[in-house]
Each structure stands twice: as structure tokens, then as C-alpha cells.
N, C-alpha and C. Protein backbone atom coordinates (compact mmCIF):
# COMPACT_ATOMS: atom_id res chain seq x y z
N MET A 1 -19.53 31.56 0.36
CA MET A 1 -19.61 32.90 -0.25
C MET A 1 -18.72 33.42 -1.45
N LYS A 2 -18.95 34.03 -2.42
CA LYS A 2 -17.89 34.59 -3.26
C LYS A 2 -17.65 35.68 -3.48
N LEU A 3 -16.76 35.75 -4.39
CA LEU A 3 -16.06 37.15 -4.76
C LEU A 3 -17.33 37.43 -5.60
N THR A 4 -17.59 38.60 -5.44
CA THR A 4 -18.30 39.44 -6.58
C THR A 4 -17.48 40.59 -7.31
N PRO A 5 -18.11 41.25 -8.39
CA PRO A 5 -17.44 42.44 -9.14
C PRO A 5 -17.79 43.44 -7.74
N ARG A 6 -19.10 43.52 -7.32
CA ARG A 6 -19.41 44.80 -6.15
C ARG A 6 -18.00 44.42 -5.20
N ILE A 7 -18.16 43.40 -4.47
CA ILE A 7 -17.53 43.15 -3.46
C ILE A 7 -16.25 43.36 -3.27
N GLN A 8 -15.28 42.82 -4.42
CA GLN A 8 -14.17 43.31 -4.97
C GLN A 8 -13.89 44.54 -5.22
N ALA A 9 -14.91 45.39 -5.48
CA ALA A 9 -14.32 46.61 -5.83
C ALA A 9 -14.61 47.60 -4.37
N GLU A 10 -15.55 47.16 -3.68
CA GLU A 10 -15.43 47.87 -2.09
C GLU A 10 -14.42 47.11 -1.15
N ILE A 11 -13.85 46.12 -1.64
CA ILE A 11 -12.51 45.65 -0.78
C ILE A 11 -11.26 46.45 -1.56
N LYS A 12 -11.40 46.47 -2.64
CA LYS A 12 -10.21 47.64 -2.73
C LYS A 12 -10.30 48.83 -2.69
N ALA A 13 -11.37 49.64 -3.02
CA ALA A 13 -11.34 50.81 -2.06
C ALA A 13 -11.03 50.96 -0.49
N LEU A 14 -11.48 49.96 0.43
CA LEU A 14 -11.02 49.92 1.38
C LEU A 14 -9.43 49.61 1.86
N LYS A 15 -8.77 48.86 1.07
CA LYS A 15 -7.47 48.77 1.00
C LYS A 15 -6.78 50.15 1.03
N LEU A 16 -7.31 50.74 -0.36
CA LEU A 16 -7.01 52.23 -0.68
C LEU A 16 -6.78 53.29 0.40
N GLU A 17 -7.98 52.78 1.35
CA GLU A 17 -7.86 54.15 2.48
C GLU A 17 -6.59 54.07 3.62
N LYS A 18 -6.46 55.07 3.62
CA LYS A 18 -5.31 55.53 4.72
C LYS A 18 -6.02 55.06 5.91
N LYS A 19 -5.30 54.31 6.81
CA LYS A 19 -5.91 53.71 7.96
C LYS A 19 -5.37 54.06 9.34
N PHE A 20 -5.78 54.03 10.47
CA PHE A 20 -5.38 54.47 11.97
C PHE A 20 -4.97 55.62 11.78
N LEU A 21 -5.93 56.73 11.12
CA LEU A 21 -5.63 58.20 11.09
C LEU A 21 -6.68 58.81 12.61
N GLU A 22 -6.77 59.79 13.00
CA GLU A 22 -7.55 60.39 13.99
C GLU A 22 -8.71 60.37 13.37
N ALA A 23 -9.76 59.79 14.27
CA ALA A 23 -11.22 60.09 13.79
C ALA A 23 -12.21 60.18 15.11
N GLU A 24 -13.52 60.29 14.67
CA GLU A 24 -14.26 60.63 16.28
C GLU A 24 -14.08 59.01 17.18
N TYR A 25 -13.76 59.31 18.44
CA TYR A 25 -13.51 57.99 19.06
C TYR A 25 -12.38 57.21 19.25
N TYR A 26 -11.16 57.92 18.36
CA TYR A 26 -10.05 57.38 18.40
C TYR A 26 -9.03 58.08 17.85
N PRO A 27 -7.92 58.16 18.66
CA PRO A 27 -6.83 59.43 18.63
C PRO A 27 -5.92 59.15 17.72
N GLY A 28 -6.03 58.36 16.64
CA GLY A 28 -5.26 58.08 15.72
C GLY A 28 -3.90 57.16 16.42
N ALA A 29 -2.90 56.64 15.48
CA ALA A 29 -1.92 55.63 15.80
C ALA A 29 -0.78 56.74 16.55
N ALA A 30 -0.02 56.44 17.68
CA ALA A 30 0.73 56.85 17.83
C ALA A 30 1.71 57.49 17.30
N ASP A 31 2.15 57.05 16.32
CA ASP A 31 3.14 57.95 15.35
C ASP A 31 3.00 57.00 13.93
N GLU A 32 3.57 57.47 12.96
CA GLU A 32 3.72 57.05 11.60
C GLU A 32 3.87 55.76 11.65
N GLU A 33 5.11 55.29 12.07
CA GLU A 33 5.71 53.75 12.05
C GLU A 33 4.66 52.87 12.75
N THR A 34 3.81 53.02 13.38
CA THR A 34 2.83 52.34 14.26
C THR A 34 1.54 52.02 13.01
N ARG A 35 1.19 53.36 12.67
CA ARG A 35 -0.05 53.58 11.73
C ARG A 35 0.25 52.91 10.64
N VAL A 36 1.56 52.60 9.73
CA VAL A 36 1.96 52.25 8.48
C VAL A 36 1.91 50.41 9.25
N ARG A 37 2.55 50.28 10.10
CA ARG A 37 2.31 48.74 10.80
C ARG A 37 0.99 48.06 10.66
N CYS A 38 0.20 49.06 11.36
CA CYS A 38 -1.23 48.48 11.75
C CYS A 38 -1.91 48.41 10.17
N GLU A 39 -1.70 49.21 9.50
CA GLU A 39 -2.43 49.33 8.11
C GLU A 39 -2.17 48.24 7.30
N LYS A 40 -0.72 47.83 7.38
CA LYS A 40 -0.32 46.74 6.47
C LYS A 40 -1.12 45.21 6.94
N ARG A 41 -1.22 45.17 8.38
CA ARG A 41 -2.05 44.26 9.13
C ARG A 41 -3.22 43.87 8.49
N VAL A 42 -3.93 44.91 8.47
CA VAL A 42 -5.31 45.17 8.16
C VAL A 42 -5.65 44.90 6.56
N ASN A 43 -4.53 45.65 5.58
CA ASN A 43 -4.56 45.19 4.33
C ASN A 43 -4.19 43.67 4.04
N ALA A 44 -3.57 43.12 4.93
CA ALA A 44 -2.92 41.74 4.67
C ALA A 44 -4.33 40.66 4.77
N PHE A 45 -4.94 40.92 5.73
CA PHE A 45 -6.24 40.74 6.07
C PHE A 45 -7.12 40.56 4.97
N LEU A 46 -7.34 41.96 4.61
CA LEU A 46 -8.17 41.85 3.36
C LEU A 46 -7.76 41.29 2.24
N ASP A 47 -6.75 41.30 1.85
CA ASP A 47 -5.96 40.47 0.97
C ASP A 47 -6.35 39.02 0.84
N LYS A 48 -5.89 38.49 2.10
CA LYS A 48 -6.26 37.37 2.26
C LYS A 48 -7.92 36.76 2.10
N CYS A 49 -8.57 37.78 2.59
CA CYS A 49 -10.25 37.38 2.69
C CYS A 49 -10.47 37.44 1.26
N GLU A 50 -9.90 38.29 0.35
CA GLU A 50 -10.14 38.22 -0.91
C GLU A 50 -9.72 37.38 -1.63
N ALA A 51 -8.52 36.83 -1.42
CA ALA A 51 -8.52 35.65 -1.71
C ALA A 51 -9.34 34.42 -1.41
N LEU A 52 -9.59 33.99 -0.30
CA LEU A 52 -10.67 33.29 0.28
C LEU A 52 -11.98 33.25 -0.67
N LEU A 53 -12.68 34.41 -0.66
CA LEU A 53 -13.57 34.56 -1.39
C LEU A 53 -13.47 34.24 -3.18
N SER A 54 -12.39 34.39 -3.44
CA SER A 54 -12.28 34.03 -4.92
C SER A 54 -12.41 32.71 -5.27
N ARG A 55 -11.94 32.11 -3.90
CA ARG A 55 -12.00 30.47 -4.33
C ARG A 55 -13.35 30.15 -3.81
N SER A 56 -14.42 30.84 -3.34
CA SER A 56 -15.51 30.21 -2.64
C SER A 56 -15.19 29.97 -1.15
N THR A 57 -15.93 30.58 0.05
CA THR A 57 -15.35 30.30 1.11
C THR A 57 -16.64 30.40 1.98
N THR A 58 -16.70 30.02 3.14
CA THR A 58 -17.76 30.15 4.36
C THR A 58 -17.58 31.12 4.98
N ASP A 59 -18.50 31.87 5.78
CA ASP A 59 -18.16 32.83 6.69
C ASP A 59 -17.45 32.45 8.06
N HIS A 60 -17.65 31.17 8.11
CA HIS A 60 -16.59 30.56 9.31
C HIS A 60 -14.97 30.93 9.17
N ILE A 61 -14.89 30.44 7.99
CA ILE A 61 -13.67 30.70 7.52
C ILE A 61 -12.99 32.48 7.63
N LEU A 62 -14.05 33.32 7.25
CA LEU A 62 -13.72 34.54 7.18
C LEU A 62 -13.72 34.89 8.69
N TYR A 63 -14.65 34.39 10.03
CA TYR A 63 -14.12 34.83 11.11
C TYR A 63 -12.97 34.39 11.52
N LYS A 64 -12.73 33.27 11.08
CA LYS A 64 -11.25 32.97 11.63
C LYS A 64 -10.11 33.73 11.29
N ALA A 65 -10.30 34.42 9.81
CA ALA A 65 -9.49 35.03 9.51
C ALA A 65 -9.39 36.38 10.65
N ALA A 66 -10.43 36.89 10.57
CA ALA A 66 -10.89 37.96 11.63
C ALA A 66 -10.48 37.96 12.98
N VAL A 67 -10.25 36.60 13.56
CA VAL A 67 -9.56 36.19 15.07
C VAL A 67 -7.87 36.07 14.59
N GLU A 68 -7.56 36.05 13.91
CA GLU A 68 -6.12 36.00 13.12
C GLU A 68 -5.63 37.31 13.47
N LEU A 69 -6.58 38.04 12.73
CA LEU A 69 -5.99 39.57 12.60
C LEU A 69 -5.99 40.08 14.22
N GLU A 70 -7.17 39.74 15.06
CA GLU A 70 -7.39 40.47 16.19
C GLU A 70 -6.00 39.65 17.12
N GLU A 71 -5.51 38.63 16.88
CA GLU A 71 -4.34 38.10 17.54
C GLU A 71 -2.99 39.03 17.14
N GLN A 72 -2.98 39.21 15.96
CA GLN A 72 -1.68 40.36 15.54
C GLN A 72 -2.14 41.48 16.43
N PHE A 73 -3.34 42.17 17.13
CA PHE A 73 -3.08 43.35 17.62
C PHE A 73 -3.03 43.07 19.24
N GLU A 74 -2.88 42.15 19.61
CA GLU A 74 -2.32 41.77 21.30
C GLU A 74 -1.48 42.32 21.45
N GLU A 75 -0.12 42.70 20.98
CA GLU A 75 0.71 43.45 21.30
C GLU A 75 0.96 44.74 20.98
N GLU A 76 0.00 45.34 20.63
CA GLU A 76 -0.13 46.99 20.23
C GLU A 76 -1.18 47.48 21.36
N ASN A 77 -0.96 48.88 21.01
CA ASN A 77 -1.75 49.40 22.18
C ASN A 77 -3.56 49.03 22.05
N ALA A 78 -3.85 48.89 23.29
CA ALA A 78 -5.50 48.75 22.85
C ALA A 78 -6.52 49.44 21.94
N GLU A 79 -5.92 50.49 21.75
CA GLU A 79 -6.61 51.34 20.98
C GLU A 79 -6.52 50.96 19.56
N GLU A 80 -5.56 50.47 19.28
CA GLU A 80 -5.05 50.23 17.96
C GLU A 80 -5.76 48.74 17.72
N GLY A 81 -5.83 47.93 18.43
CA GLY A 81 -6.63 46.65 18.50
C GLY A 81 -8.08 47.08 18.49
N GLU A 82 -8.55 47.80 18.86
CA GLU A 82 -10.20 48.16 18.92
C GLU A 82 -10.39 48.62 17.37
N HIS A 83 -9.32 49.58 17.12
CA HIS A 83 -9.84 50.23 15.96
C HIS A 83 -9.76 49.39 14.60
N ALA A 84 -8.97 48.17 14.57
CA ALA A 84 -8.69 46.91 13.78
C ALA A 84 -10.42 46.21 14.02
N GLY A 85 -10.82 46.46 14.84
CA GLY A 85 -12.07 45.84 14.83
C GLY A 85 -13.28 46.63 14.26
N TYR A 86 -12.90 48.00 13.93
CA TYR A 86 -13.67 49.04 12.81
C TYR A 86 -13.55 48.22 11.42
N TYR A 87 -12.06 48.06 11.59
CA TYR A 87 -11.91 47.72 9.65
C TYR A 87 -12.28 46.37 9.48
N ILE A 88 -12.32 45.40 10.53
CA ILE A 88 -13.05 43.91 10.45
C ILE A 88 -14.58 44.06 10.24
N GLY A 89 -15.24 44.94 11.02
CA GLY A 89 -16.40 45.09 10.73
C GLY A 89 -16.83 45.74 9.22
N ARG A 90 -16.45 46.68 9.29
CA ARG A 90 -16.43 47.33 7.35
C ARG A 90 -16.05 46.18 6.51
N PHE A 91 -15.06 45.29 6.90
CA PHE A 91 -15.31 44.27 5.60
C PHE A 91 -16.18 43.30 5.48
N MET A 92 -16.88 42.73 6.95
CA MET A 92 -17.83 41.98 7.31
C MET A 92 -19.38 42.53 6.44
N HIS A 93 -19.34 43.82 6.88
CA HIS A 93 -20.61 44.56 5.82
C HIS A 93 -20.30 44.38 4.59
N ILE A 94 -19.16 44.56 4.29
CA ILE A 94 -19.29 44.43 2.54
C ILE A 94 -19.64 43.29 2.21
N VAL A 95 -19.39 42.31 2.58
CA VAL A 95 -19.32 40.85 2.19
C VAL A 95 -21.23 40.21 2.93
N GLY A 96 -21.71 41.20 3.81
CA GLY A 96 -23.00 41.03 4.06
C GLY A 96 -23.10 40.22 5.45
N LEU A 97 -22.12 40.13 5.99
CA LEU A 97 -21.90 39.41 7.50
C LEU A 97 -22.15 40.39 8.63
N ASP A 98 -23.10 41.09 8.60
CA ASP A 98 -23.76 42.27 9.80
C ASP A 98 -23.50 42.05 11.07
N ASP A 99 -24.06 40.73 11.52
CA ASP A 99 -23.97 39.90 12.67
C ASP A 99 -22.59 39.10 12.89
N TRP A 100 -21.70 39.76 12.84
CA TRP A 100 -20.38 38.76 13.08
C TRP A 100 -19.83 38.91 14.30
N THR A 101 -19.83 39.78 15.31
CA THR A 101 -19.05 40.16 16.53
C THR A 101 -19.38 38.88 17.13
N GLU A 102 -20.66 38.12 17.38
CA GLU A 102 -20.33 36.96 18.34
C GLU A 102 -19.44 35.61 17.78
N PHE A 103 -18.87 35.85 16.45
CA PHE A 103 -18.07 34.76 16.08
C PHE A 103 -16.84 35.03 16.29
N VAL A 104 -16.40 36.39 16.36
CA VAL A 104 -14.98 36.62 16.32
C VAL A 104 -14.52 36.98 17.84
């Protein structure tokens, strides 16, 4: 898998989004400190994956990065961990891995 201009632009747009805000089926992070901490973790995941793609990588390496992100959310409220999965899913969709859940 490689980093294309389209993928890079979509990852950049996702990184720029304010994350962990209230949404349908998600009440939002408990406070701004939690929201920012969680957003930084997701953006670090996106940065890591973008770097991996720039050097060409495999889907399994991206799955491993997703598992590592999920592990970082084990100490957070379960809702934040579940919502991190939403951002993982959006990233996987960007890179064309729509059937990723069985690997993470």
C-alpha cells in the first residue's frame, strides 16, 4: 500500500478535524482535557500510518498500528475507546480497507 495524493489529502483533512465532540450515539468526551488527550492519540496514529504509507506498507502493519491505538484507550472511558474505533474505521476506509474489523 502506498501514500497517494488523494489518501494524503484525506488523512490531512481527518487530522484537522476536532475529535471526540458530541455526536449521534456518542456523548462527547467528559471534559476538554480528555478530548484533547484522545484527539492527540488519534492524530499520532494517523501520522504514524501516513509515514508507513509513504514508505509503502502492508495492510497487516496498518492493522497492528490500529491495535496499538486501541490499547492506548484501555485506560480511558469505554465510550472514548469505542469512539477511537470510529476514527480507525474512517482511516481504514480512506486507504481502502473496508473489511478491517476482523483483524483489529
